[in-house]
């Protein structure tokens, strides 16, 4: 009897832990790629359209105290052949970012973020968008620190940018099969007694 209760309790705990397991906040984001080395981490997100789910995120690891947005964009352009960006002025260190393009390798779809006659807007957060801060024009000299998320977006302060969230991981079928088999064995043992 004690063994049956122990097994049922263990199964219940296993189901609860698997069913309610949530990865850390960073792991809930679908990452296109990771660049750099170091103990500090920041995300750069490009939201290509305010009315579609076409946002992409890249993770940056770094050892300095901060990174500039242009450093991140330049690293992406040098790493991914389908990534490009444009500035209003190459000479001005505080130049706004005019546009970003990205050709996704899986679907070969070209995404372009630009606002005709204007520049991209910037949003920042350190808690995954629960407290987005609208920054107006996205400047190339903007710095991000450890744990920061910076979003380049076509949307303005009246619309919130989308985060590319990863699909939830379902409970593995093997755990369900194992649990139902174990419950059946326990039921058969009880009937025999």
C-alpha atoms as a PDB file:
ATOM      1  CA  UNK A   1       0.000   0.000   0.000  1.00  0.00           C
ATOM      2  CA  UNK A   2       2.825   2.389   0.892  1.00  0.00           C
ATOM      3  CA  UNK A   3       4.566   1.549  -2.381  1.00  0.00           C
ATOM      4  CA  UNK A   4       1.401   2.328  -4.374  1.00  0.00           C
ATOM      5  CA  UNK A   5       0.961   5.687  -2.641  1.00  0.00           C
ATOM      6  CA  UNK A   6       4.603   6.500  -3.180  1.00  0.00           C
ATOM      7  CA  UNK A   7       4.383   5.658  -6.886  1.00  0.00           C
ATOM      8  CA  UNK A   8       1.164   7.662  -7.318  1.00  0.00           C
ATOM      9  CA  UNK A   9       2.700  10.638  -5.491  1.00  0.00           C
ATOM     10  CA  UNK A  10       5.862  10.405  -7.614  1.00  0.00           C
ATOM     11  CA  UNK A  11       3.780  10.225 -10.799  1.00  0.00           C
ATOM     12  CA  UNK A  12       1.678  13.188  -9.750  1.00  0.00           C
ATOM     13  CA  UNK A  13       4.770  15.247  -8.999  1.00  0.00           C
ATOM     14  CA  UNK A  14       6.307  14.214 -12.328  1.00  0.00           C
ATOM     15  CA  UNK A  15       3.174  15.237 -14.254  1.00  0.00           C
ATOM     16  CA  UNK A  16       2.926  18.529 -12.397  1.00  0.00           C
ATOM     17  CA  UNK A  17       6.578  19.370 -12.923  1.00  0.00           C
ATOM     18  CA  UNK A  18       6.503  18.475 -16.633  1.00  0.00           C
ATOM     19  CA  UNK A  19       3.099  20.042 -17.280  1.00  0.00           C
ATOM     20  CA  UNK A  20       3.888  23.324 -15.595  1.00  0.00           C
ATOM     21  CA  UNK A  21       7.539  23.562 -16.512  1.00  0.00           C
ATOM     22  CA  UNK A  22       8.304  26.969 -17.845  1.00  0.00           C
ATOM     23  CA  UNK A  23      11.687  27.776 -19.209  1.00  0.00           C
ATOM     24  CA  UNK A  24      13.396  30.948 -18.131  1.00  0.00           C
ATOM     25  CA  UNK A  25      12.157  34.149 -19.698  1.00  0.00           C
ATOM     26  CA  UNK A  26      14.997  34.219 -22.225  1.00  0.00           C
ATOM     27  CA  UNK A  27      14.245  30.669 -23.351  1.00  0.00           C
ATOM     28  CA  UNK A  28      10.671  31.609 -24.253  1.00  0.00           C
ATOM     29  CA  UNK A  29      11.985  33.706 -27.143  1.00  0.00           C
ATOM     30  CA  UNK A  30      12.632  32.129 -30.521  1.00  0.00           C
ATOM     31  CA  UNK A  31      16.244  33.038 -31.291  1.00  0.00           C
ATOM     32  CA  UNK A  32      17.518  33.195 -34.882  1.00  0.00           C
ATOM     33  CA  UNK A  33      21.137  33.014 -33.824  1.00  0.00           C
ATOM     34  CA  UNK A  34      23.644  33.718 -31.061  1.00  0.00           C
ATOM     35  CA  UNK A  35      26.719  35.859 -31.578  1.00  0.00           C
ATOM     36  CA  UNK A  36      29.746  36.752 -29.489  1.00  0.00           C
ATOM     37  CA  UNK A  37      31.363  35.536 -26.292  1.00  0.00           C
ATOM     38  CA  UNK A  38      31.197  36.677 -22.690  1.00  0.00           C
ATOM     39  CA  UNK A  39      29.124  36.575 -19.530  1.00  0.00           C
ATOM     40  CA  UNK A  40      26.759  39.419 -20.488  1.00  0.00           C
ATOM     41  CA  UNK A  41      23.740  38.813 -22.719  1.00  0.00           C
ATOM     42  CA  UNK A  42      21.418  41.122 -24.628  1.00  0.00           C
ATOM     43  CA  UNK A  43      18.815  40.668 -27.344  1.00  0.00           C
ATOM     44  CA  UNK A  44      18.275  42.609 -30.525  1.00  0.00           C
ATOM     45  CA  UNK A  45      14.796  42.185 -32.000  1.00  0.00           C
ATOM     46  CA  UNK A  46      13.607  43.488 -35.356  1.00  0.00           C
ATOM     47  CA  UNK A  47       9.829  43.787 -35.690  1.00  0.00           C
ATOM     48  CA  UNK A  48       9.337  44.029 -39.438  1.00  0.00           C
ATOM     49  CA  UNK A  49       5.642  44.880 -39.420  1.00  0.00           C
ATOM     50  CA  UNK A  50       3.172  46.141 -36.847  1.00  0.00           C
ATOM     51  CA  UNK A  51       0.315  43.998 -38.154  1.00  0.00           C
ATOM     52  CA  UNK A  52       1.982  40.619 -38.755  1.00  0.00           C
ATOM     53  CA  UNK A  53       3.910  38.110 -36.718  1.00  0.00           C
ATOM     54  CA  UNK A  54       7.258  38.691 -38.386  1.00  0.00           C
ATOM     55  CA  UNK A  55       9.665  39.573 -35.612  1.00  0.00           C
ATOM     56  CA  UNK A  56      13.113  38.033 -35.302  1.00  0.00           C
ATOM     57  CA  UNK A  57      15.516  37.993 -32.340  1.00  0.00           C
ATOM     58  CA  UNK A  58      19.272  37.558 -32.088  1.00  0.00           C
ATOM     59  CA  UNK A  59      21.160  36.972 -28.843  1.00  0.00           C
ATOM     60  CA  UNK A  60      24.479  38.669 -28.185  1.00  0.00           C
ATOM     61  CA  UNK A  61      27.012  37.508 -25.599  1.00  0.00           C
ATOM     62  CA  UNK A  62      29.650  40.065 -24.672  1.00  0.00           C
ATOM     63  CA  UNK A  63      32.261  40.790 -22.004  1.00  0.00           C
ATOM     64  CA  UNK A  64      32.194  44.609 -22.111  1.00  0.00           C
ATOM     65  CA  UNK A  65      29.785  46.588 -19.947  1.00  0.00           C
ATOM     66  CA  UNK A  66      27.620  47.477 -22.960  1.00  0.00           C
ATOM     67  CA  UNK A  67      27.208  47.206 -26.748  1.00  0.00           C
ATOM     68  CA  UNK A  68      25.969  49.730 -29.258  1.00  0.00           C
ATOM     69  CA  UNK A  69      23.083  48.883 -31.533  1.00  0.00           C
ATOM     70  CA  UNK A  70      25.325  49.525 -34.531  1.00  0.00           C
ATOM     71  CA  UNK A  71      27.872  46.992 -33.228  1.00  0.00           C
ATOM     72  CA  UNK A  72      25.071  44.439 -33.039  1.00  0.00           C
ATOM     73  CA  UNK A  73      23.772  45.287 -36.522  1.00  0.00           C
ATOM     74  CA  UNK A  74      27.276  45.187 -37.992  1.00  0.00           C
ATOM     75  CA  UNK A  75      27.948  41.776 -36.419  1.00  0.00           C
ATOM     76  CA  UNK A  76      24.676  40.464 -37.873  1.00  0.00           C
ATOM     77  CA  UNK A  77      25.502  41.820 -41.323  1.00  0.00           C
ATOM     78  CA  UNK A  78      28.954  40.211 -41.190  1.00  0.00           C
ATOM     79  CA  UNK A  79      27.586  36.863 -39.945  1.00  0.00           C
ATOM     80  CA  UNK A  80      24.337  36.408 -41.888  1.00  0.00           C
ATOM     81  CA  UNK A  81      24.566  36.966 -45.637  1.00  0.00           C
ATOM     82  CA  UNK A  82      20.852  37.775 -45.800  1.00  0.00           C
ATOM     83  CA  UNK A  83      21.015  40.578 -43.208  1.00  0.00           C
ATOM     84  CA  UNK A  84      21.546  44.261 -43.998  1.00  0.00           C
ATOM     85  CA  UNK A  85      20.898  47.686 -42.508  1.00  0.00           C
ATOM     86  CA  UNK A  86      21.037  51.312 -43.597  1.00  0.00           C
ATOM     87  CA  UNK A  87      21.759  54.531 -41.701  1.00  0.00           C
ATOM     88  CA  UNK A  88      20.682  58.066 -42.493  1.00  0.00           C
ATOM     89  CA  UNK A  89      24.312  59.185 -42.256  1.00  0.00           C
ATOM     90  CA  UNK A  90      27.470  57.068 -42.109  1.00  0.00           C
ATOM     91  CA  UNK A  91      29.452  60.042 -40.740  1.00  0.00           C
ATOM     92  CA  UNK A  92      27.117  61.024 -37.886  1.00  0.00           C
ATOM     93  CA  UNK A  93      27.714  58.797 -34.814  1.00  0.00           C
ATOM     94  CA  UNK A  94      24.160  59.533 -33.611  1.00  0.00           C
ATOM     95  CA  UNK A  95      22.573  58.776 -36.952  1.00  0.00           C
ATOM     96  CA  UNK A  96      19.170  57.070 -36.840  1.00  0.00           C
ATOM     97  CA  UNK A  97      18.682  53.662 -38.414  1.00  0.00           C
ATOM     98  CA  UNK A  98      16.805  54.030 -41.693  1.00  0.00           C
ATOM     99  CA  UNK A  99      15.991  50.391 -42.385  1.00  0.00           C
ATOM    100  CA  UNK A 100      16.782  46.722 -41.869  1.00  0.00           C
ATOM    101  CA  UNK A 101      16.396  43.775 -44.239  1.00  0.00           C
ATOM    102  CA  UNK A 102      16.617  40.067 -43.512  1.00  0.00           C
ATOM    103  CA  UNK A 103      16.210  37.044 -45.768  1.00  0.00           C
ATOM    104  CA  UNK A 104      15.121  34.129 -43.615  1.00  0.00           C
ATOM    105  CA  UNK A 105      17.045  31.031 -44.673  1.00  0.00           C
ATOM    106  CA  UNK A 106      14.289  28.458 -44.006  1.00  0.00           C
ATOM    107  CA  UNK A 107      11.555  30.043 -46.123  1.00  0.00           C
ATOM    108  CA  UNK A 108      13.803  32.281 -48.272  1.00  0.00           C
ATOM    109  CA  UNK A 109      11.397  35.119 -47.441  1.00  0.00           C
ATOM    110  CA  UNK A 110      12.754  38.656 -47.566  1.00  0.00           C
ATOM    111  CA  UNK A 111      11.625  40.912 -44.713  1.00  0.00           C
ATOM    112  CA  UNK A 112      12.181  44.656 -44.905  1.00  0.00           C
ATOM    113  CA  UNK A 113      11.654  47.096 -42.040  1.00  0.00           C
ATOM    114  CA  UNK A 114      11.407  50.673 -43.178  1.00  0.00           C
ATOM    115  CA  UNK A 115       9.066  53.592 -42.703  1.00  0.00           C
ATOM    116  CA  UNK A 116       8.779  55.574 -45.950  1.00  0.00           C
ATOM    117  CA  UNK A 117      10.173  59.063 -45.378  1.00  0.00           C
ATOM    118  CA  UNK A 118      11.111  58.258 -41.782  1.00  0.00           C
ATOM    119  CA  UNK A 119      13.426  56.143 -39.626  1.00  0.00           C
ATOM    120  CA  UNK A 120      12.898  53.066 -37.460  1.00  0.00           C
ATOM    121  CA  UNK A 121      11.693  53.470 -33.895  1.00  0.00           C
ATOM    122  CA  UNK A 122      13.400  51.969 -30.878  1.00  0.00           C
ATOM    123  CA  UNK A 123      11.931  50.182 -27.879  1.00  0.00           C
ATOM    124  CA  UNK A 124      13.800  48.804 -24.884  1.00  0.00           C
ATOM    125  CA  UNK A 125      13.068  46.597 -21.919  1.00  0.00           C
ATOM    126  CA  UNK A 126      14.832  44.514 -19.335  1.00  0.00           C
ATOM    127  CA  UNK A 127      11.822  42.330 -18.510  1.00  0.00           C
ATOM    128  CA  UNK A 128      10.681  40.879 -21.822  1.00  0.00           C
ATOM    129  CA  UNK A 129       8.290  43.601 -22.846  1.00  0.00           C
ATOM    130  CA  UNK A 130       6.179  43.892 -19.737  1.00  0.00           C
ATOM    131  CA  UNK A 131       7.518  47.408 -19.338  1.00  0.00           C
ATOM    132  CA  UNK A 132       8.429  48.459 -22.876  1.00  0.00           C
ATOM    133  CA  UNK A 133      10.042  51.882 -23.065  1.00  0.00           C
ATOM    134  CA  UNK A 134       9.398  53.736 -26.305  1.00  0.00           C
ATOM    135  CA  UNK A 135      12.562  55.576 -27.326  1.00  0.00           C
ATOM    136  CA  UNK A 136      11.499  57.328 -30.516  1.00  0.00           C
ATOM    137  CA  UNK A 137      14.138  57.241 -33.246  1.00  0.00           C
ATOM    138  CA  UNK A 138      16.409  54.191 -33.102  1.00  0.00           C
ATOM    139  CA  UNK A 139      19.918  55.626 -32.951  1.00  0.00           C
ATOM    140  CA  UNK A 140      23.029  53.718 -33.979  1.00  0.00           C
ATOM    141  CA  UNK A 141      24.873  54.878 -30.830  1.00  0.00           C
ATOM    142  CA  UNK A 142      22.181  53.506 -28.464  1.00  0.00           C
ATOM    143  CA  UNK A 143      23.824  51.171 -25.928  1.00  0.00           C
ATOM    144  CA  UNK A 144      22.433  47.989 -24.389  1.00  0.00           C
ATOM    145  CA  UNK A 145      23.659  46.364 -21.193  1.00  0.00           C
ATOM    146  CA  UNK A 146      23.480  42.877 -19.731  1.00  0.00           C
ATOM    147  CA  UNK A 147      19.891  41.598 -19.712  1.00  0.00           C
ATOM    148  CA  UNK A 148      18.555  44.313 -22.022  1.00  0.00           C
ATOM    149  CA  UNK A 149      16.275  43.808 -25.005  1.00  0.00           C
ATOM    150  CA  UNK A 150      16.290  46.394 -27.778  1.00  0.00           C
ATOM    151  CA  UNK A 151      13.679  46.361 -30.531  1.00  0.00           C
ATOM    152  CA  UNK A 152      13.917  48.070 -33.904  1.00  0.00           C
ATOM    153  CA  UNK A 153      10.353  48.489 -35.105  1.00  0.00           C
ATOM    154  CA  UNK A 154       8.194  50.098 -37.747  1.00  0.00           C
ATOM    155  CA  UNK A 155       5.448  50.648 -35.162  1.00  0.00           C
ATOM    156  CA  UNK A 156       5.121  53.891 -33.236  1.00  0.00           C
ATOM    157  CA  UNK A 157       4.397  54.533 -29.558  1.00  0.00           C
ATOM    158  CA  UNK A 158       0.690  53.731 -30.028  1.00  0.00           C
ATOM    159  CA  UNK A 159       1.369  50.119 -31.068  1.00  0.00           C
ATOM    160  CA  UNK A 160       3.555  47.702 -29.127  1.00  0.00           C
ATOM    161  CA  UNK A 161       6.120  45.588 -31.028  1.00  0.00           C
ATOM    162  CA  UNK A 162       5.797  41.802 -31.152  1.00  0.00           C
ATOM    163  CA  UNK A 163       8.267  39.409 -29.558  1.00  0.00           C
ATOM    164  CA  UNK A 164       9.110  36.205 -31.449  1.00  0.00           C
ATOM    165  CA  UNK A 165       7.968  33.708 -28.833  1.00  0.00           C
ATOM    166  CA  UNK A 166       8.941  30.055 -29.069  1.00  0.00           C
ATOM    167  CA  UNK A 167       6.185  27.469 -29.412  1.00  0.00           C
ATOM    168  CA  UNK A 168       5.288  25.814 -26.105  1.00  0.00           C
ATOM    169  CA  UNK A 169       6.841  22.396 -25.587  1.00  0.00           C
ATOM    170  CA  UNK A 170       4.127  19.714 -25.197  1.00  0.00           C
ATOM    171  CA  UNK A 171       4.277  17.011 -22.548  1.00  0.00           C
ATOM    172  CA  UNK A 172       6.188  14.151 -24.155  1.00  0.00           C
ATOM    173  CA  UNK A 173       4.028  11.200 -25.188  1.00  0.00           C
ATOM    174  CA  UNK A 174       6.464   8.827 -23.498  1.00  0.00           C
ATOM    175  CA  UNK A 175       5.734  10.359 -20.086  1.00  0.00           C
ATOM    176  CA  UNK A 176       1.986  10.016 -20.645  1.00  0.00           C
ATOM    177  CA  UNK A 177       2.382   6.429 -21.858  1.00  0.00           C
ATOM    178  CA  UNK A 178       4.628   5.534 -18.941  1.00  0.00           C
ATOM    179  CA  UNK A 179       2.237   7.116 -16.458  1.00  0.00           C
ATOM    180  CA  UNK A 180      -0.853   5.376 -17.804  1.00  0.00           C
ATOM    181  CA  UNK A 181       0.986   2.025 -17.860  1.00  0.00           C
ATOM    182  CA  UNK A 182       2.139   2.482 -14.288  1.00  0.00           C
ATOM    183  CA  UNK A 183      -1.362   3.453 -13.186  1.00  0.00           C
ATOM    184  CA  UNK A 184      -2.715   0.304 -14.895  1.00  0.00           C
ATOM    185  CA  UNK A 185      -0.214  -1.908 -13.104  1.00  0.00           C
ATOM    186  CA  UNK A 186      -1.134  -0.346  -9.766  1.00  0.00           C
ATOM    187  CA  UNK A 187      -4.836  -0.897 -10.521  1.00  0.00           C
ATOM    188  CA  UNK A 188      -4.259  -4.581 -11.376  1.00  0.00           C
ATOM    189  CA  UNK A 189      -2.249  -5.102  -8.152  1.00  0.00           C
ATOM    190  CA  UNK A 190      -5.060  -3.577  -6.097  1.00  0.00           C
ATOM    191  CA  UNK A 191      -7.694  -5.837  -7.690  1.00  0.00           C
ATOM    192  CA  UNK A 192      -5.633  -8.967  -6.927  1.00  0.00           C
ATOM    193  CA  UNK A 193      -5.532  -8.095  -3.235  1.00  0.00           C
END
